[in-house]
N, C-alpha and C. Protein backbone atom coordinates (compact mmCIF):
# COMPACT_ATOMS: atom_id res chain seq x y z
N MET A 1 0.86 -1.17 0.00
CA MET A 1 0.00 0.00 0.00
C MET A 1 0.90 1.23 0.00
N SER A 2 0.50 2.20 -0.73
CA SER A 2 1.27 3.43 -0.87
C SER A 2 1.22 4.24 0.42
N GLU A 3 2.30 4.96 0.68
CA GLU A 3 2.32 5.86 1.83
C GLU A 3 1.43 7.07 1.58
N LYS A 4 1.21 7.38 0.32
CA LYS A 4 0.45 8.55 -0.08
C LYS A 4 -1.04 8.23 -0.10
N ASN A 5 -1.83 9.06 0.56
CA ASN A 5 -3.29 8.93 0.51
C ASN A 5 -3.84 9.83 -0.58
N ARG A 6 -4.85 9.36 -1.26
CA ARG A 6 -5.54 10.16 -2.27
C ARG A 6 -6.78 10.73 -1.58
N THR A 7 -6.91 12.05 -1.59
CA THR A 7 -8.05 12.70 -0.96
C THR A 7 -9.12 12.98 -2.00
N CYS A 8 -10.33 12.57 -1.70
CA CYS A 8 -11.47 12.78 -2.59
C CYS A 8 -12.49 13.64 -1.86
N LYS A 9 -12.92 14.69 -2.53
CA LYS A 9 -13.90 15.60 -1.94
C LYS A 9 -15.28 15.29 -2.51
N ILE A 10 -16.25 15.21 -1.62
CA ILE A 10 -17.63 14.94 -2.01
C ILE A 10 -18.45 16.22 -1.86
N VAL A 11 -19.16 16.56 -2.93
CA VAL A 11 -20.03 17.74 -2.92
C VAL A 11 -21.45 17.29 -3.27
N VAL A 12 -22.40 17.69 -2.44
CA VAL A 12 -23.81 17.36 -2.67
C VAL A 12 -24.51 18.57 -3.27
N ASP A 13 -25.14 18.37 -4.42
CA ASP A 13 -25.97 19.41 -5.05
C ASP A 13 -27.41 18.94 -4.93
N SER A 14 -28.09 19.42 -3.89
CA SER A 14 -29.45 18.94 -3.63
C SER A 14 -30.45 19.44 -4.66
N THR A 15 -30.20 20.58 -5.30
CA THR A 15 -31.13 21.07 -6.31
C THR A 15 -31.06 20.22 -7.58
N ALA A 16 -29.87 19.78 -7.95
CA ALA A 16 -29.71 18.92 -9.13
C ALA A 16 -29.84 17.45 -8.77
N GLU A 17 -29.96 17.16 -7.48
CA GLU A 17 -30.05 15.80 -6.97
C GLU A 17 -28.90 14.94 -7.46
N GLU A 18 -27.67 15.44 -7.22
CA GLU A 18 -26.49 14.65 -7.58
C GLU A 18 -25.37 14.89 -6.58
N ILE A 19 -24.48 13.92 -6.55
CA ILE A 19 -23.31 13.97 -5.69
C ILE A 19 -22.09 13.88 -6.60
N SER A 20 -21.16 14.82 -6.41
CA SER A 20 -19.92 14.82 -7.20
C SER A 20 -18.76 14.41 -6.31
N ILE A 21 -17.88 13.60 -6.88
CA ILE A 21 -16.67 13.16 -6.17
C ILE A 21 -15.48 13.60 -7.00
N SER A 22 -14.65 14.45 -6.43
CA SER A 22 -13.44 14.88 -7.13
C SER A 22 -12.23 14.21 -6.49
N GLY A 23 -11.20 13.99 -7.30
CA GLY A 23 -9.97 13.41 -6.78
C GLY A 23 -9.74 11.96 -7.16
N LEU A 24 -10.74 11.29 -7.71
CA LEU A 24 -10.55 9.90 -8.14
C LEU A 24 -9.78 9.83 -9.44
N SER A 25 -10.06 10.77 -10.33
CA SER A 25 -9.39 10.83 -11.62
C SER A 25 -9.31 12.29 -12.04
N SER A 26 -8.94 12.53 -13.28
CA SER A 26 -8.82 13.91 -13.74
C SER A 26 -10.19 14.60 -13.86
N GLU A 27 -11.24 13.82 -13.98
CA GLU A 27 -12.59 14.38 -14.07
C GLU A 27 -13.40 13.99 -12.84
N ASP A 28 -14.31 14.88 -12.44
CA ASP A 28 -15.19 14.58 -11.32
C ASP A 28 -16.16 13.46 -11.70
N LEU A 29 -16.47 12.64 -10.73
CA LEU A 29 -17.44 11.57 -10.90
C LEU A 29 -18.77 12.06 -10.33
N THR A 30 -19.84 11.94 -11.09
CA THR A 30 -21.15 12.40 -10.64
C THR A 30 -22.09 11.21 -10.50
N ILE A 31 -22.74 11.15 -9.35
CA ILE A 31 -23.73 10.10 -9.08
C ILE A 31 -25.09 10.78 -8.93
N GLY A 32 -26.02 10.43 -9.80
CA GLY A 32 -27.36 11.00 -9.73
C GLY A 32 -28.17 10.36 -8.62
N CYS A 33 -28.97 11.17 -7.94
CA CYS A 33 -29.78 10.68 -6.82
C CYS A 33 -31.28 10.82 -7.08
N GLU A 34 -31.66 11.16 -8.31
CA GLU A 34 -33.06 11.43 -8.57
C GLU A 34 -33.91 10.17 -8.65
N SER A 35 -33.34 9.05 -9.04
CA SER A 35 -34.10 7.79 -9.09
C SER A 35 -33.20 6.67 -8.58
N ASP A 36 -33.05 5.61 -9.34
CA ASP A 36 -32.17 4.52 -8.92
C ASP A 36 -30.73 5.02 -8.85
N ILE A 37 -30.02 4.62 -7.82
CA ILE A 37 -28.64 5.05 -7.62
C ILE A 37 -27.72 4.02 -8.26
N ASP A 38 -26.80 4.49 -9.09
CA ASP A 38 -25.88 3.61 -9.81
C ASP A 38 -24.45 3.91 -9.35
N PHE A 39 -23.85 2.96 -8.66
CA PHE A 39 -22.49 3.12 -8.15
C PHE A 39 -21.45 2.48 -9.07
N THR A 40 -21.86 2.05 -10.26
CA THR A 40 -20.95 1.34 -11.17
C THR A 40 -19.73 2.17 -11.52
N GLU A 41 -19.91 3.44 -11.86
CA GLU A 41 -18.77 4.29 -12.24
C GLU A 41 -17.80 4.47 -11.07
N LEU A 42 -18.32 4.56 -9.86
CA LEU A 42 -17.46 4.66 -8.68
C LEU A 42 -16.62 3.41 -8.53
N VAL A 43 -17.25 2.25 -8.63
CA VAL A 43 -16.53 0.99 -8.49
C VAL A 43 -15.50 0.82 -9.60
N LEU A 44 -15.84 1.19 -10.83
CA LEU A 44 -14.89 1.10 -11.94
C LEU A 44 -13.70 2.04 -11.73
N SER A 45 -13.96 3.23 -11.21
CA SER A 45 -12.87 4.17 -10.93
C SER A 45 -11.94 3.60 -9.86
N LEU A 46 -12.51 2.98 -8.85
CA LEU A 46 -11.69 2.38 -7.79
C LEU A 46 -10.90 1.19 -8.32
N ALA A 47 -11.49 0.43 -9.23
CA ALA A 47 -10.79 -0.71 -9.81
C ALA A 47 -9.56 -0.25 -10.59
N LYS A 48 -9.67 0.89 -11.25
CA LYS A 48 -8.52 1.44 -11.99
C LYS A 48 -7.42 1.91 -11.05
N LEU A 49 -7.79 2.33 -9.85
CA LEU A 49 -6.82 2.86 -8.89
C LEU A 49 -6.14 1.78 -8.06
N ILE A 50 -6.70 0.59 -8.02
CA ILE A 50 -6.22 -0.42 -7.07
C ILE A 50 -4.76 -0.80 -7.31
N ASP A 51 -4.31 -0.77 -8.57
CA ASP A 51 -2.91 -1.11 -8.85
C ASP A 51 -1.94 -0.08 -8.29
N LYS A 52 -2.40 1.15 -8.13
CA LYS A 52 -1.55 2.20 -7.56
C LYS A 52 -1.38 2.01 -6.05
N GLY A 53 -2.33 1.33 -5.44
CA GLY A 53 -2.24 1.04 -4.01
C GLY A 53 -2.40 2.26 -3.12
N GLU A 54 -3.06 3.28 -3.62
CA GLU A 54 -3.25 4.50 -2.83
C GLU A 54 -4.56 4.43 -2.04
N PRO A 55 -4.48 4.44 -0.72
CA PRO A 55 -5.71 4.47 0.07
C PRO A 55 -6.44 5.80 -0.13
N LEU A 56 -7.73 5.78 0.03
CA LEU A 56 -8.55 6.97 -0.17
C LEU A 56 -8.98 7.56 1.16
N THR A 57 -9.00 8.88 1.20
CA THR A 57 -9.56 9.63 2.31
C THR A 57 -10.69 10.48 1.75
N LEU A 58 -11.86 10.38 2.34
CA LEU A 58 -13.02 11.15 1.86
C LEU A 58 -13.20 12.41 2.68
N GLU A 59 -13.44 13.51 1.99
CA GLU A 59 -13.87 14.75 2.63
C GLU A 59 -15.37 14.84 2.43
N MET A 60 -16.10 14.48 3.47
CA MET A 60 -17.56 14.45 3.40
C MET A 60 -18.13 15.85 3.63
N PRO A 61 -19.29 16.15 3.07
CA PRO A 61 -19.91 17.46 3.29
C PRO A 61 -20.32 17.62 4.75
N ALA A 62 -20.21 18.84 5.25
CA ALA A 62 -20.52 19.11 6.65
C ALA A 62 -22.02 19.29 6.89
N GLU A 63 -22.74 19.76 5.89
CA GLU A 63 -24.15 20.05 6.09
C GLU A 63 -24.98 18.78 6.16
N GLU A 64 -26.10 18.91 6.82
CA GLU A 64 -27.03 17.79 6.94
C GLU A 64 -27.72 17.54 5.61
N SER A 65 -27.99 16.29 5.32
CA SER A 65 -28.65 15.91 4.08
C SER A 65 -29.96 15.22 4.40
N ASP A 66 -30.80 15.10 3.37
CA ASP A 66 -32.03 14.35 3.57
C ASP A 66 -31.70 12.86 3.71
N GLU A 67 -32.70 12.08 4.03
CA GLU A 67 -32.47 10.66 4.33
C GLU A 67 -31.87 9.90 3.15
N LYS A 68 -32.37 10.14 1.95
CA LYS A 68 -31.88 9.44 0.77
C LYS A 68 -30.42 9.80 0.49
N THR A 69 -30.10 11.09 0.54
CA THR A 69 -28.72 11.53 0.29
C THR A 69 -27.79 10.98 1.37
N SER A 70 -28.24 10.97 2.60
CA SER A 70 -27.43 10.41 3.69
C SER A 70 -27.13 8.94 3.46
N LEU A 71 -28.11 8.21 2.95
CA LEU A 71 -27.92 6.79 2.65
C LEU A 71 -26.90 6.61 1.52
N VAL A 72 -26.99 7.46 0.49
CA VAL A 72 -26.03 7.39 -0.62
C VAL A 72 -24.62 7.72 -0.13
N LEU A 73 -24.49 8.74 0.71
CA LEU A 73 -23.18 9.11 1.26
C LEU A 73 -22.61 7.98 2.12
N ALA A 74 -23.46 7.35 2.91
CA ALA A 74 -23.01 6.22 3.74
C ALA A 74 -22.55 5.06 2.87
N THR A 75 -23.24 4.82 1.76
CA THR A 75 -22.85 3.75 0.84
C THR A 75 -21.52 4.06 0.18
N ILE A 76 -21.31 5.30 -0.24
CA ILE A 76 -20.03 5.71 -0.81
C ILE A 76 -18.91 5.50 0.21
N LYS A 77 -19.18 5.86 1.45
CA LYS A 77 -18.19 5.67 2.52
C LYS A 77 -17.89 4.18 2.71
N ASN A 78 -18.92 3.34 2.70
CA ASN A 78 -18.72 1.89 2.86
C ASN A 78 -17.92 1.30 1.70
N ILE A 79 -18.21 1.75 0.48
CA ILE A 79 -17.47 1.26 -0.69
C ILE A 79 -16.00 1.67 -0.58
N THR A 80 -15.76 2.90 -0.15
CA THR A 80 -14.39 3.39 0.01
C THR A 80 -13.66 2.62 1.10
N GLU A 81 -14.33 2.35 2.21
CA GLU A 81 -13.72 1.57 3.29
C GLU A 81 -13.37 0.16 2.82
N ALA A 82 -14.24 -0.44 2.00
CA ALA A 82 -13.97 -1.78 1.46
C ALA A 82 -12.77 -1.73 0.51
N TYR A 83 -12.67 -0.67 -0.28
CA TYR A 83 -11.51 -0.48 -1.17
C TYR A 83 -10.22 -0.40 -0.35
N ASN A 84 -10.23 0.44 0.70
CA ASN A 84 -9.04 0.59 1.54
C ASN A 84 -8.69 -0.73 2.24
N ALA A 85 -9.70 -1.46 2.69
CA ALA A 85 -9.46 -2.75 3.33
C ALA A 85 -8.85 -3.75 2.35
N SER A 86 -9.29 -3.71 1.09
CA SER A 86 -8.73 -4.63 0.09
C SER A 86 -7.26 -4.32 -0.17
N LEU A 87 -6.88 -3.05 -0.08
CA LEU A 87 -5.47 -2.68 -0.23
C LEU A 87 -4.64 -3.26 0.91
N GLU A 88 -5.19 -3.20 2.12
CA GLU A 88 -4.49 -3.75 3.29
C GLU A 88 -4.33 -5.26 3.17
N VAL A 89 -5.37 -5.95 2.72
CA VAL A 89 -5.31 -7.40 2.55
C VAL A 89 -4.27 -7.76 1.49
N ALA A 90 -4.26 -7.01 0.38
CA ALA A 90 -3.28 -7.27 -0.68
C ALA A 90 -1.86 -7.06 -0.18
N GLU A 91 -1.67 -6.04 0.64
CA GLU A 91 -0.34 -5.78 1.19
C GLU A 91 0.08 -6.90 2.14
N LEU A 92 -0.84 -7.36 2.99
CA LEU A 92 -0.52 -8.45 3.91
C LEU A 92 -0.23 -9.74 3.16
N SER A 93 -0.97 -9.99 2.09
CA SER A 93 -0.72 -11.19 1.27
C SER A 93 0.65 -11.13 0.62
N ALA A 94 1.02 -9.95 0.13
CA ALA A 94 2.33 -9.79 -0.50
C ALA A 94 3.44 -9.99 0.52
N CYS A 95 3.24 -9.50 1.73
CA CYS A 95 4.24 -9.69 2.79
C CYS A 95 4.35 -11.16 3.17
N ALA A 96 3.21 -11.85 3.26
CA ALA A 96 3.22 -13.27 3.62
C ALA A 96 3.92 -14.09 2.55
N GLU A 97 3.72 -13.75 1.28
CA GLU A 97 4.38 -14.46 0.19
C GLU A 97 5.88 -14.25 0.23
N SER A 98 6.31 -13.04 0.54
CA SER A 98 7.75 -12.78 0.59
C SER A 98 8.39 -13.45 1.80
N ASP A 99 7.65 -13.63 2.89
CA ASP A 99 8.19 -14.31 4.07
C ASP A 99 8.39 -15.79 3.81
N THR A 100 7.53 -16.42 3.05
CA THR A 100 7.65 -17.86 2.80
C THR A 100 8.65 -18.17 1.70
N SER A 101 9.08 -17.18 0.95
CA SER A 101 10.03 -17.44 -0.14
C SER A 101 11.39 -17.86 0.39
N ASP A 102 11.72 -17.54 1.65
CA ASP A 102 13.00 -17.95 2.24
C ASP A 102 13.07 -19.46 2.43
N ASP A 103 11.93 -20.13 2.52
CA ASP A 103 11.89 -21.57 2.73
C ASP A 103 12.12 -22.35 1.45
N ASP A 104 12.21 -21.69 0.31
CA ASP A 104 12.37 -22.37 -0.97
C ASP A 104 13.73 -23.04 -1.12
N ASP A 105 14.73 -22.64 -0.36
CA ASP A 105 16.08 -23.16 -0.51
C ASP A 105 16.41 -24.29 0.46
N ILE A 106 15.42 -24.87 1.09
CA ILE A 106 15.66 -25.94 2.05
C ILE A 106 16.09 -27.20 1.30
N PRO A 107 17.27 -27.74 1.61
CA PRO A 107 17.75 -28.95 0.90
C PRO A 107 17.22 -30.22 1.55
N PHE A 108 16.34 -30.92 0.90
CA PHE A 108 15.82 -32.20 1.40
C PHE A 108 16.28 -33.30 0.50
């Protein structure tokens, strides 16, 4: 896992019923909240970042949101936490593999 954290800022536009996430890529990611919520673009963006091994830090909006927006924000937070946890697991697996490689030279 990289020592560098990638900071992503979340902005809620309640009049347009959308949430924007900046910092994942060169362009902001927008999630519409007017009907069914689609997190596919968020997950695809995270999949592209996983090889870099940069954990994410979210800057959540300070203002209170309605119930639906709060649920969407909580889901984004959960997805991000799962992404960060997968980076930790990958790092631990890589360390475990390098620790067992010393046993390859045992002469039997």
